Amino acid sequence: MPQISFFLGIIIRMFYKDHNPPHFHAVYAEYEGLVDIKKLELIGGKLPPRVLGLVIEWTALHQKELLENWDKAKKQESLLQIAPLV
């Protein structure tokens, strides 16, 4: 599962040929959450509230790039790195 971003101890990963809806995995310490890219919400797993807020903020800023990476993943193409939250 390629890592596409990293910020504030949060790892953002996206699986190739993952199931719909378009989403990514956010990992922070022992927590992992699945975040819906279009709806900007947690759809699985668990993240601390502060971390979830940061991840949702980052998702809103990079929604277009995330959806492009989702399309690339479905085609088994290399995923692009996305800038961290600063």
N, C-alpha and C. Protein backbone atom coordinates (compact mmCIF):
# COMPACT_ATOMS: atom_id res chain seq x y z
N MET A 1 0.86 -1.17 0.00
CA MET A 1 0.00 0.00 0.00
C MET A 1 0.90 1.23 0.00
N PRO A 2 0.91 1.97 -1.08
CA PRO A 2 1.78 3.15 -1.18
C PRO A 2 1.41 4.27 -0.21
N GLN A 3 2.45 4.84 0.37
CA GLN A 3 2.29 6.03 1.21
C GLN A 3 2.28 7.23 0.28
N ILE A 4 1.24 8.08 0.38
CA ILE A 4 1.15 9.23 -0.52
C ILE A 4 1.38 10.55 0.20
N SER A 5 1.37 10.52 1.53
CA SER A 5 1.67 11.74 2.29
C SER A 5 1.98 11.37 3.74
N PHE A 6 2.65 12.30 4.41
CA PHE A 6 2.98 12.13 5.83
C PHE A 6 3.07 13.50 6.47
N PHE A 7 2.36 13.69 7.56
CA PHE A 7 2.43 14.97 8.28
C PHE A 7 2.00 14.76 9.73
N LEU A 8 2.66 15.44 10.64
CA LEU A 8 2.32 15.45 12.06
C LEU A 8 2.12 14.04 12.62
N GLY A 9 2.93 13.10 12.17
CA GLY A 9 2.83 11.73 12.64
C GLY A 9 1.73 10.91 11.99
N ILE A 10 1.07 11.48 10.99
CA ILE A 10 -0.05 10.81 10.30
C ILE A 10 0.45 10.30 8.95
N ILE A 11 0.26 9.03 8.70
CA ILE A 11 0.63 8.42 7.42
C ILE A 11 -0.64 8.27 6.58
N ILE A 12 -0.58 8.74 5.35
CA ILE A 12 -1.71 8.61 4.42
C ILE A 12 -1.32 7.59 3.36
N ARG A 13 -2.14 6.54 3.24
CA ARG A 13 -1.88 5.46 2.29
C ARG A 13 -3.11 5.20 1.45
N MET A 14 -2.86 4.64 0.25
CA MET A 14 -3.96 4.28 -0.63
C MET A 14 -3.63 2.92 -1.25
N PHE A 15 -4.59 2.01 -1.17
CA PHE A 15 -4.43 0.68 -1.76
C PHE A 15 -4.70 0.72 -3.26
N TYR A 16 -4.03 -0.17 -3.99
CA TYR A 16 -4.37 -0.39 -5.39
C TYR A 16 -5.61 -1.26 -5.44
N LYS A 17 -6.51 -0.97 -6.38
CA LYS A 17 -7.73 -1.76 -6.61
C LYS A 17 -8.53 -1.96 -5.33
N ASP A 18 -8.65 -0.93 -4.52
CA ASP A 18 -9.45 -0.99 -3.30
C ASP A 18 -10.93 -0.83 -3.67
N HIS A 19 -11.79 -1.13 -2.74
CA HIS A 19 -13.24 -1.07 -2.95
C HIS A 19 -13.74 0.38 -2.94
N ASN A 20 -14.90 0.61 -3.55
CA ASN A 20 -15.55 1.92 -3.49
C ASN A 20 -16.21 2.08 -2.13
N PRO A 21 -16.49 3.28 -1.70
CA PRO A 21 -16.28 4.58 -2.35
C PRO A 21 -14.80 4.97 -2.32
N PRO A 22 -14.41 5.96 -3.15
CA PRO A 22 -13.03 6.43 -3.14
C PRO A 22 -12.63 6.87 -1.73
N HIS A 23 -11.55 6.28 -1.22
CA HIS A 23 -11.12 6.56 0.13
C HIS A 23 -9.61 6.33 0.27
N PHE A 24 -9.09 6.69 1.42
CA PHE A 24 -7.70 6.40 1.75
C PHE A 24 -7.64 5.96 3.21
N HIS A 25 -6.47 5.46 3.59
CA HIS A 25 -6.24 5.00 4.95
C HIS A 25 -5.33 6.02 5.64
N ALA A 26 -5.74 6.48 6.80
CA ALA A 26 -4.92 7.37 7.62
C ALA A 26 -4.49 6.59 8.86
N VAL A 27 -3.19 6.54 9.10
CA VAL A 27 -2.64 5.79 10.22
C VAL A 27 -1.94 6.76 11.16
N TYR A 28 -2.28 6.65 12.44
CA TYR A 28 -1.67 7.49 13.47
C TYR A 28 -1.47 6.61 14.70
N ALA A 29 -0.20 6.36 15.05
CA ALA A 29 0.14 5.48 16.18
C ALA A 29 -0.59 4.15 15.98
N GLU A 30 -1.39 3.72 16.96
CA GLU A 30 -2.09 2.44 16.85
C GLU A 30 -3.46 2.56 16.19
N TYR A 31 -3.81 3.74 15.73
CA TYR A 31 -5.12 4.00 15.12
C TYR A 31 -5.04 3.95 13.60
N GLU A 32 -6.13 3.51 12.98
CA GLU A 32 -6.25 3.57 11.53
C GLU A 32 -7.69 3.88 11.17
N GLY A 33 -7.87 4.83 10.27
CA GLY A 33 -9.21 5.19 9.82
C GLY A 33 -9.27 5.23 8.31
N LEU A 34 -10.44 4.92 7.77
CA LEU A 34 -10.70 5.03 6.34
C LEU A 34 -11.51 6.29 6.13
N VAL A 35 -11.03 7.14 5.22
CA VAL A 35 -11.67 8.44 5.00
C VAL A 35 -12.22 8.52 3.59
N ASP A 36 -13.51 8.81 3.49
CA ASP A 36 -14.18 8.98 2.20
C ASP A 36 -13.71 10.32 1.61
N ILE A 37 -13.15 10.27 0.41
CA ILE A 37 -12.58 11.46 -0.21
C ILE A 37 -13.66 12.46 -0.61
N LYS A 38 -14.77 11.99 -1.14
CA LYS A 38 -15.81 12.91 -1.61
C LYS A 38 -16.65 13.48 -0.47
N LYS A 39 -16.98 12.66 0.52
CA LYS A 39 -17.84 13.10 1.62
C LYS A 39 -17.08 13.73 2.78
N LEU A 40 -15.75 13.62 2.76
CA LEU A 40 -14.92 14.19 3.83
C LEU A 40 -15.35 13.66 5.20
N GLU A 41 -15.46 12.33 5.30
CA GLU A 41 -15.87 11.75 6.57
C GLU A 41 -15.21 10.39 6.80
N LEU A 42 -15.12 10.02 8.06
CA LEU A 42 -14.59 8.72 8.46
C LEU A 42 -15.63 7.66 8.14
N ILE A 43 -15.22 6.62 7.39
CA ILE A 43 -16.17 5.56 7.02
C ILE A 43 -15.78 4.22 7.62
N GLY A 44 -14.68 4.18 8.34
CA GLY A 44 -14.26 2.94 8.97
C GLY A 44 -13.09 3.18 9.88
N GLY A 45 -12.91 2.29 10.83
CA GLY A 45 -11.79 2.42 11.75
C GLY A 45 -12.01 3.52 12.76
N LYS A 46 -10.90 3.98 13.33
CA LYS A 46 -10.98 5.00 14.38
C LYS A 46 -9.73 5.86 14.38
N LEU A 47 -9.92 7.15 14.59
CA LEU A 47 -8.83 8.11 14.76
C LEU A 47 -9.19 9.02 15.93
N PRO A 48 -8.20 9.48 16.69
CA PRO A 48 -8.51 10.45 17.74
C PRO A 48 -9.15 11.70 17.12
N PRO A 49 -10.08 12.35 17.82
CA PRO A 49 -10.80 13.50 17.26
C PRO A 49 -9.89 14.58 16.68
N ARG A 50 -8.82 14.94 17.37
CA ARG A 50 -7.90 15.98 16.88
C ARG A 50 -7.25 15.55 15.57
N VAL A 51 -6.83 14.30 15.51
CA VAL A 51 -6.19 13.76 14.30
C VAL A 51 -7.20 13.71 13.16
N LEU A 52 -8.41 13.26 13.44
CA LEU A 52 -9.44 13.21 12.41
C LEU A 52 -9.69 14.61 11.85
N GLY A 53 -9.74 15.61 12.69
CA GLY A 53 -9.92 16.99 12.22
C GLY A 53 -8.82 17.42 11.27
N LEU A 54 -7.58 17.08 11.61
CA LEU A 54 -6.45 17.43 10.74
C LEU A 54 -6.53 16.69 9.41
N VAL A 55 -6.90 15.42 9.47
CA VAL A 55 -7.00 14.62 8.25
C VAL A 55 -8.12 15.15 7.34
N ILE A 56 -9.25 15.52 7.92
CA ILE A 56 -10.36 16.06 7.13
C ILE A 56 -9.96 17.40 6.51
N GLU A 57 -9.27 18.24 7.27
CA GLU A 57 -8.79 19.52 6.74
C GLU A 57 -7.86 19.29 5.56
N TRP A 58 -6.92 18.35 5.70
CA TRP A 58 -5.97 18.02 4.63
C TRP A 58 -6.72 17.47 3.41
N THR A 59 -7.70 16.61 3.65
CA THR A 59 -8.48 16.02 2.56
C THR A 59 -9.19 17.11 1.75
N ALA A 60 -9.79 18.07 2.44
CA ALA A 60 -10.50 19.16 1.76
C ALA A 60 -9.55 19.96 0.88
N LEU A 61 -8.33 20.15 1.34
CA LEU A 61 -7.34 20.91 0.57
C LEU A 61 -6.84 20.15 -0.66
N HIS A 62 -6.86 18.82 -0.60
CA HIS A 62 -6.25 18.00 -1.65
C HIS A 62 -7.24 17.02 -2.28
N GLN A 63 -8.51 17.34 -2.23
CA GLN A 63 -9.54 16.43 -2.73
C GLN A 63 -9.32 16.05 -4.20
N LYS A 64 -9.02 17.02 -5.02
CA LYS A 64 -8.82 16.75 -6.46
C LYS A 64 -7.64 15.80 -6.67
N GLU A 65 -6.53 16.06 -5.99
CA GLU A 65 -5.35 15.19 -6.12
C GLU A 65 -5.63 13.78 -5.62
N LEU A 66 -6.39 13.68 -4.53
CA LEU A 66 -6.73 12.38 -3.99
C LEU A 66 -7.59 11.58 -4.96
N LEU A 67 -8.55 12.24 -5.59
CA LEU A 67 -9.39 11.55 -6.57
C LEU A 67 -8.58 11.14 -7.80
N GLU A 68 -7.61 11.96 -8.20
CA GLU A 68 -6.72 11.59 -9.30
C GLU A 68 -5.92 10.34 -8.92
N ASN A 69 -5.41 10.31 -7.69
CA ASN A 69 -4.66 9.13 -7.23
C ASN A 69 -5.57 7.90 -7.17
N TRP A 70 -6.82 8.08 -6.77
CA TRP A 70 -7.76 6.96 -6.73
C TRP A 70 -7.91 6.36 -8.13
N ASP A 71 -8.07 7.22 -9.14
CA ASP A 71 -8.18 6.75 -10.52
C ASP A 71 -6.90 6.04 -10.96
N LYS A 72 -5.76 6.58 -10.59
CA LYS A 72 -4.48 5.95 -10.92
C LYS A 72 -4.36 4.58 -10.27
N ALA A 73 -4.77 4.48 -9.01
CA ALA A 73 -4.69 3.21 -8.29
C ALA A 73 -5.55 2.15 -8.97
N LYS A 74 -6.73 2.54 -9.41
CA LYS A 74 -7.62 1.60 -10.10
C LYS A 74 -7.00 1.07 -11.39
N LYS A 75 -6.13 1.89 -12.01
CA LYS A 75 -5.47 1.51 -13.26
C LYS A 75 -4.09 0.90 -13.00
N GLN A 76 -3.73 0.71 -11.71
CA GLN A 76 -2.44 0.16 -11.33
C GLN A 76 -1.27 1.05 -11.76
N GLU A 77 -1.51 2.37 -11.81
CA GLU A 77 -0.46 3.33 -12.16
C GLU A 77 0.20 3.85 -10.88
N SER A 78 1.38 4.41 -11.04
CA SER A 78 2.09 4.98 -9.89
C SER A 78 1.30 6.15 -9.32
N LEU A 79 1.26 6.19 -7.99
CA LEU A 79 0.53 7.26 -7.31
C LEU A 79 1.46 8.44 -7.06
N LEU A 80 0.87 9.62 -7.08
CA LEU A 80 1.62 10.86 -6.85
C LEU A 80 1.68 11.17 -5.37
N GLN A 81 2.79 11.74 -4.93
CA GLN A 81 2.91 12.23 -3.56
C GLN A 81 2.07 13.49 -3.44
N ILE A 82 1.44 13.66 -2.30
CA ILE A 82 0.62 14.85 -2.05
C ILE A 82 1.23 15.61 -0.88
N ALA A 83 1.28 16.93 -1.03
CA ALA A 83 1.91 17.78 -0.03
C ALA A 83 1.28 17.58 1.35
N PRO A 84 2.08 17.67 2.39
CA PRO A 84 1.56 17.51 3.75
C PRO A 84 0.78 18.74 4.19
N LEU A 85 0.08 18.60 5.30
CA LEU A 85 -0.59 19.73 5.92
C LEU A 85 0.47 20.56 6.64
N VAL A 86 0.54 21.84 6.34
CA VAL A 86 1.54 22.70 6.97
C VAL A 86 0.88 23.87 7.66
